[in-house]
Amino acid sequence: MTVRRLLAETGARELAEWRAYEQMSGPLGGARGDVQAALVAAAIAAVNTPKGKRPPSVSDFMPRWDRTRVRKTPEELFRLAMAANASLGGTVNTTTP
């Protein structure tokens, strides 16, 4: 389901209920897998850490998807989006309704 469709078919109350559920049960979707993988990696690192040295924490193994070191200009982002659109066989509608 697309985000647009989700927002059109789901009320604010239900979205709030899902948010509360996620806060109680942990992240849903891909984020949950990232946490699980980080837990395993941290456990493996902990048993292989020399005595007297602090083992890495779970957060040390969490991917940081939102930290982009190279910032792109809006023009660069637009060119990338147009290239992706073209590579997928998309078209650009230049007329306005």
N, C-alpha and C. Protein backbone atom coordinates (compact mmCIF):
# COMPACT_ATOMS: atom_id res chain seq x y z
N MET A 1 0.85 -1.16 0.00
CA MET A 1 0.00 0.00 0.00
C MET A 1 0.90 1.23 0.00
N THR A 2 0.57 2.19 -0.81
CA THR A 2 1.35 3.42 -0.84
C THR A 2 1.02 4.28 0.38
N VAL A 3 1.90 5.22 0.67
CA VAL A 3 1.67 6.12 1.80
C VAL A 3 0.42 6.94 1.55
N ARG A 4 0.25 7.40 0.32
CA ARG A 4 -0.93 8.21 -0.01
C ARG A 4 -2.21 7.42 0.25
N ARG A 5 -2.23 6.18 -0.17
CA ARG A 5 -3.42 5.36 0.04
C ARG A 5 -3.63 5.07 1.54
N LEU A 6 -2.52 4.78 2.22
CA LEU A 6 -2.61 4.54 3.66
C LEU A 6 -3.25 5.73 4.37
N LEU A 7 -2.77 6.93 4.06
CA LEU A 7 -3.29 8.12 4.73
C LEU A 7 -4.74 8.41 4.33
N ALA A 8 -5.11 8.03 3.11
CA ALA A 8 -6.49 8.25 2.67
C ALA A 8 -7.46 7.28 3.34
N GLU A 9 -6.99 6.07 3.63
CA GLU A 9 -7.88 5.03 4.16
C GLU A 9 -7.78 4.84 5.67
N THR A 10 -6.78 5.45 6.31
CA THR A 10 -6.57 5.24 7.73
C THR A 10 -6.75 6.55 8.48
N GLY A 11 -7.55 6.51 9.52
CA GLY A 11 -7.80 7.70 10.30
C GLY A 11 -6.68 8.01 11.27
N ALA A 12 -6.70 9.22 11.82
CA ALA A 12 -5.68 9.65 12.76
C ALA A 12 -5.68 8.78 14.01
N ARG A 13 -6.87 8.35 14.44
CA ARG A 13 -6.96 7.52 15.64
C ARG A 13 -6.24 6.19 15.44
N GLU A 14 -6.47 5.55 14.29
CA GLU A 14 -5.81 4.27 14.04
C GLU A 14 -4.30 4.43 13.91
N LEU A 15 -3.86 5.50 13.25
CA LEU A 15 -2.42 5.75 13.14
C LEU A 15 -1.81 5.96 14.53
N ALA A 16 -2.52 6.66 15.41
CA ALA A 16 -2.03 6.87 16.77
C ALA A 16 -1.96 5.53 17.52
N GLU A 17 -2.94 4.65 17.29
CA GLU A 17 -2.92 3.34 17.93
C GLU A 17 -1.73 2.52 17.46
N TRP A 18 -1.42 2.57 16.16
CA TRP A 18 -0.26 1.84 15.64
C TRP A 18 1.04 2.40 16.23
N ARG A 19 1.09 3.72 16.37
CA ARG A 19 2.29 4.34 16.95
C ARG A 19 2.47 3.88 18.39
N ALA A 20 1.38 3.87 19.16
CA ALA A 20 1.45 3.41 20.55
C ALA A 20 1.87 1.95 20.61
N TYR A 21 1.33 1.13 19.71
CA TYR A 21 1.70 -0.29 19.66
C TYR A 21 3.19 -0.45 19.40
N GLU A 22 3.70 0.32 18.45
CA GLU A 22 5.12 0.22 18.12
C GLU A 22 5.99 0.67 19.30
N GLN A 23 5.54 1.68 20.03
CA GLN A 23 6.31 2.15 21.19
C GLN A 23 6.37 1.09 22.28
N MET A 24 5.30 0.28 22.41
CA MET A 24 5.27 -0.76 23.43
C MET A 24 5.99 -2.03 22.99
N SER A 25 5.86 -2.39 21.71
CA SER A 25 6.37 -3.68 21.25
C SER A 25 7.69 -3.59 20.51
N GLY A 26 8.15 -2.39 20.22
CA GLY A 26 9.39 -2.23 19.47
C GLY A 26 9.10 -1.86 18.03
N PRO A 27 10.13 -1.53 17.29
CA PRO A 27 9.94 -1.05 15.91
C PRO A 27 9.34 -2.12 15.01
N LEU A 28 8.53 -1.68 14.08
CA LEU A 28 7.94 -2.56 13.08
C LEU A 28 8.75 -2.48 11.79
N GLY A 29 8.66 -3.48 10.96
CA GLY A 29 9.29 -3.46 9.65
C GLY A 29 10.80 -3.62 9.70
N GLY A 30 11.47 -2.95 8.77
CA GLY A 30 12.91 -3.08 8.62
C GLY A 30 13.71 -2.64 9.83
N ALA A 31 13.20 -1.65 10.55
CA ALA A 31 13.93 -1.18 11.73
C ALA A 31 14.08 -2.28 12.77
N ARG A 32 13.08 -3.12 12.88
CA ARG A 32 13.14 -4.22 13.85
C ARG A 32 14.27 -5.18 13.47
N GLY A 33 14.42 -5.47 12.19
CA GLY A 33 15.50 -6.34 11.72
C GLY A 33 16.86 -5.74 12.00
N ASP A 34 16.98 -4.41 11.86
CA ASP A 34 18.25 -3.75 12.16
C ASP A 34 18.61 -3.92 13.63
N VAL A 35 17.61 -3.78 14.50
CA VAL A 35 17.86 -3.94 15.94
C VAL A 35 18.27 -5.38 16.25
N GLN A 36 17.57 -6.34 15.64
CA GLN A 36 17.89 -7.74 15.89
C GLN A 36 19.30 -8.07 15.43
N ALA A 37 19.68 -7.60 14.25
CA ALA A 37 21.03 -7.86 13.75
C ALA A 37 22.07 -7.19 14.63
N ALA A 38 21.79 -5.98 15.11
CA ALA A 38 22.74 -5.28 15.99
C ALA A 38 22.90 -6.02 17.31
N LEU A 39 21.81 -6.60 17.83
CA LEU A 39 21.90 -7.38 19.07
C LEU A 39 22.82 -8.58 18.90
N VAL A 40 22.68 -9.28 17.79
CA VAL A 40 23.52 -10.46 17.53
C VAL A 40 24.97 -10.04 17.37
N ALA A 41 25.20 -8.98 16.60
CA ALA A 41 26.57 -8.51 16.38
C ALA A 41 27.21 -8.07 17.69
N ALA A 42 26.46 -7.37 18.54
CA ALA A 42 27.00 -6.91 19.82
C ALA A 42 27.31 -8.09 20.73
N ALA A 43 26.48 -9.12 20.70
CA ALA A 43 26.74 -10.31 21.54
C ALA A 43 28.01 -11.02 21.09
N ILE A 44 28.18 -11.15 19.79
CA ILE A 44 29.39 -11.79 19.25
C ILE A 44 30.63 -10.97 19.60
N ALA A 45 30.52 -9.65 19.45
CA ALA A 45 31.66 -8.78 19.78
C ALA A 45 31.97 -8.85 21.26
N ALA A 46 30.93 -8.92 22.11
CA ALA A 46 31.14 -8.94 23.56
C ALA A 46 31.92 -10.17 24.01
N VAL A 47 31.59 -11.33 23.45
CA VAL A 47 32.30 -12.55 23.89
C VAL A 47 33.72 -12.60 23.33
N ASN A 48 34.01 -11.78 22.35
CA ASN A 48 35.35 -11.76 21.76
C ASN A 48 36.16 -10.54 22.15
N THR A 49 35.64 -9.76 23.10
CA THR A 49 36.35 -8.58 23.58
C THR A 49 37.33 -9.00 24.68
N PRO A 50 38.58 -8.55 24.60
CA PRO A 50 39.56 -8.92 25.64
C PRO A 50 39.12 -8.43 27.02
N LYS A 51 39.53 -9.17 28.05
CA LYS A 51 39.21 -8.79 29.42
C LYS A 51 39.76 -7.40 29.71
N GLY A 52 38.96 -6.65 30.45
CA GLY A 52 39.38 -5.30 30.82
C GLY A 52 39.05 -4.25 29.79
N LYS A 53 38.62 -4.67 28.62
CA LYS A 53 38.26 -3.71 27.57
C LYS A 53 36.73 -3.67 27.46
N ARG A 54 36.19 -2.49 27.27
CA ARG A 54 34.76 -2.32 27.17
C ARG A 54 34.23 -2.89 25.85
N PRO A 55 33.25 -3.80 25.90
CA PRO A 55 32.70 -4.33 24.65
C PRO A 55 31.84 -3.28 23.94
N PRO A 56 31.73 -3.39 22.64
CA PRO A 56 30.88 -2.45 21.91
C PRO A 56 29.43 -2.60 22.34
N SER A 57 28.66 -1.53 22.24
CA SER A 57 27.24 -1.58 22.59
C SER A 57 26.41 -1.91 21.35
N VAL A 58 25.15 -2.20 21.57
CA VAL A 58 24.24 -2.49 20.46
C VAL A 58 24.18 -1.29 19.51
N SER A 59 24.17 -0.09 20.06
CA SER A 59 24.07 1.10 19.21
C SER A 59 25.28 1.26 18.28
N ASP A 60 26.42 0.67 18.67
CA ASP A 60 27.60 0.72 17.80
C ASP A 60 27.37 -0.04 16.49
N PHE A 61 26.41 -0.96 16.49
CA PHE A 61 26.16 -1.79 15.31
C PHE A 61 24.87 -1.39 14.56
N MET A 62 24.20 -0.34 15.04
CA MET A 62 22.97 0.08 14.38
C MET A 62 23.30 0.92 13.15
N PRO A 63 22.69 0.59 12.01
CA PRO A 63 22.91 1.42 10.83
C PRO A 63 22.36 2.82 11.06
N ARG A 64 23.02 3.79 10.52
CA ARG A 64 22.57 5.18 10.63
C ARG A 64 22.19 5.66 9.23
N TRP A 65 20.98 5.31 8.85
CA TRP A 65 20.52 5.58 7.48
C TRP A 65 20.33 7.06 7.22
N ASP A 66 20.05 7.84 8.24
CA ASP A 66 19.72 9.24 8.03
C ASP A 66 20.92 10.18 8.07
N ARG A 67 22.10 9.64 8.19
CA ARG A 67 23.28 10.49 8.26
C ARG A 67 24.01 10.49 6.93
N THR A 68 23.68 11.43 6.11
CA THR A 68 24.31 11.57 4.80
C THR A 68 25.46 12.56 4.91
N ARG A 69 26.63 12.11 4.58
CA ARG A 69 27.78 13.00 4.66
C ARG A 69 27.83 13.95 3.47
N VAL A 70 27.44 13.46 2.31
CA VAL A 70 27.49 14.29 1.11
C VAL A 70 26.10 14.86 0.88
N ARG A 71 25.98 16.15 1.00
CA ARG A 71 24.70 16.81 0.78
C ARG A 71 24.56 17.13 -0.70
N LYS A 72 23.39 16.86 -1.23
CA LYS A 72 23.13 17.15 -2.64
C LYS A 72 22.23 18.37 -2.74
N THR A 73 22.44 19.14 -3.79
CA THR A 73 21.59 20.30 -4.02
C THR A 73 20.24 19.83 -4.55
N PRO A 74 19.22 20.67 -4.46
CA PRO A 74 17.93 20.29 -5.04
C PRO A 74 18.03 19.95 -6.52
N GLU A 75 18.90 20.62 -7.24
CA GLU A 75 19.07 20.35 -8.67
C GLU A 75 19.66 18.96 -8.88
N GLU A 76 20.65 18.59 -8.06
CA GLU A 76 21.25 17.25 -8.17
C GLU A 76 20.22 16.17 -7.83
N LEU A 77 19.42 16.41 -6.79
CA LEU A 77 18.38 15.45 -6.43
C LEU A 77 17.36 15.31 -7.55
N PHE A 78 17.01 16.42 -8.19
CA PHE A 78 16.05 16.38 -9.29
C PHE A 78 16.62 15.59 -10.46
N ARG A 79 17.90 15.82 -10.80
CA ARG A 79 18.53 15.06 -11.90
C ARG A 79 18.55 13.57 -11.58
N LEU A 80 18.86 13.21 -10.34
CA LEU A 80 18.86 11.80 -9.95
C LEU A 80 17.46 11.19 -10.05
N ALA A 81 16.46 11.95 -9.62
CA ALA A 81 15.08 11.46 -9.71
C ALA A 81 14.67 11.28 -11.16
N MET A 82 15.05 12.21 -12.02
CA MET A 82 14.71 12.10 -13.44
C MET A 82 15.42 10.90 -14.08
N ALA A 83 16.67 10.67 -13.71
CA ALA A 83 17.41 9.53 -14.24
C ALA A 83 16.77 8.22 -13.78
N ALA A 84 16.37 8.14 -12.50
CA ALA A 84 15.70 6.94 -12.00
C ALA A 84 14.38 6.73 -12.72
N ASN A 85 13.64 7.80 -12.92
CA ASN A 85 12.36 7.73 -13.64
C ASN A 85 12.57 7.20 -15.05
N ALA A 86 13.57 7.73 -15.76
CA ALA A 86 13.85 7.29 -17.12
C ALA A 86 14.29 5.83 -17.17
N SER A 87 15.13 5.42 -16.20
CA SER A 87 15.62 4.05 -16.20
C SER A 87 14.51 3.04 -15.94
N LEU A 88 13.45 3.48 -15.29
CA LEU A 88 12.31 2.60 -15.03
C LEU A 88 11.22 2.72 -16.09
N GLY A 89 11.53 3.46 -17.16
CA GLY A 89 10.56 3.60 -18.25
C GLY A 89 9.49 4.62 -18.00
N GLY A 90 9.70 5.50 -17.03
CA GLY A 90 8.71 6.52 -16.70
C GLY A 90 8.71 7.65 -17.70
N THR A 91 7.67 8.42 -17.64
CA THR A 91 7.56 9.61 -18.50
C THR A 91 7.32 10.81 -17.61
N VAL A 92 7.51 11.99 -18.21
CA VAL A 92 7.30 13.24 -17.48
C VAL A 92 6.14 13.97 -18.13
N ASN A 93 5.15 14.30 -17.35
CA ASN A 93 3.99 15.04 -17.83
C ASN A 93 4.29 16.52 -17.66
N THR A 94 4.42 17.23 -18.77
CA THR A 94 4.76 18.64 -18.70
C THR A 94 3.53 19.54 -18.87
N THR A 95 2.37 18.95 -19.03
CA THR A 95 1.16 19.76 -19.15
C THR A 95 0.47 19.82 -17.80
N THR A 96 -0.20 20.91 -17.55
CA THR A 96 -0.92 21.05 -16.31
C THR A 96 -2.41 20.86 -16.59
N PRO A 97 -3.13 20.24 -15.68
CA PRO A 97 -4.58 20.01 -15.92
C PRO A 97 -5.38 21.27 -15.84
